[in-house]
Amino acid sequence: MTFVEMNPAHLPLALLLEADPAASRIAAYLPGAWGFAALADNEVVGACVAGLVGEQTAEIFNIAVAPNRQQQGIGSGLLRFVLENLAGKGIGRVELGTGSFGHQLTYYQRHGFRVEAVVKDHFLTHYPEPLMEHGIRHKDMLRLSLELTPTHADSSGLSPQTDVAPS
């Protein structure tokens, strides 16, 4: 597995739609953003889009792994690679929004993200179609954050063109 930074416009839309089903929202955050990919045999199997939202604050807008490649450590490796790269760009804080339940929440918490706030009714007002998980409709969004330290710039030993570190 290889992790690279790439133009976010070159990330496969179908993959980004796995994490955010609103193509119009994806199109809105791609310009000016940073794109990151997990490559297997030169095929993008994981993608992440992050952007600057404050002087030293970035937001992860989207992170997704192809369904047939999930549960293999690719997402964790990609997230570590993204955090290292953001720290290397002088970012001190990373924020994101996710549903109030489900595997995504525990995924981010395992990587050190903490809950900052609840945005009530976010998924009801910003998505025309219901977002369902395990038969439950997502309604509220949790805002999570992680303070980066200088050690994030080289926390896992990963660098561009390196293999996945163990999860």
Foldseek 3Di string as FASTA:
>chain_A
DFKDKDQQVPPDPVFQCVFPVDSVVVVVQRPQWIKMADDDPNDGQKIWTKHDDDPQEIETETIGGHPVCPPVQRRVQRVLAVLLVSVVVRRFKYKYKDFPDDDVVVSVVVVPKDFDDKAFQPQVPPPPDFDDDPRDTGGIITMIMDGDDNCSNCVQVDDGGDDGDDD
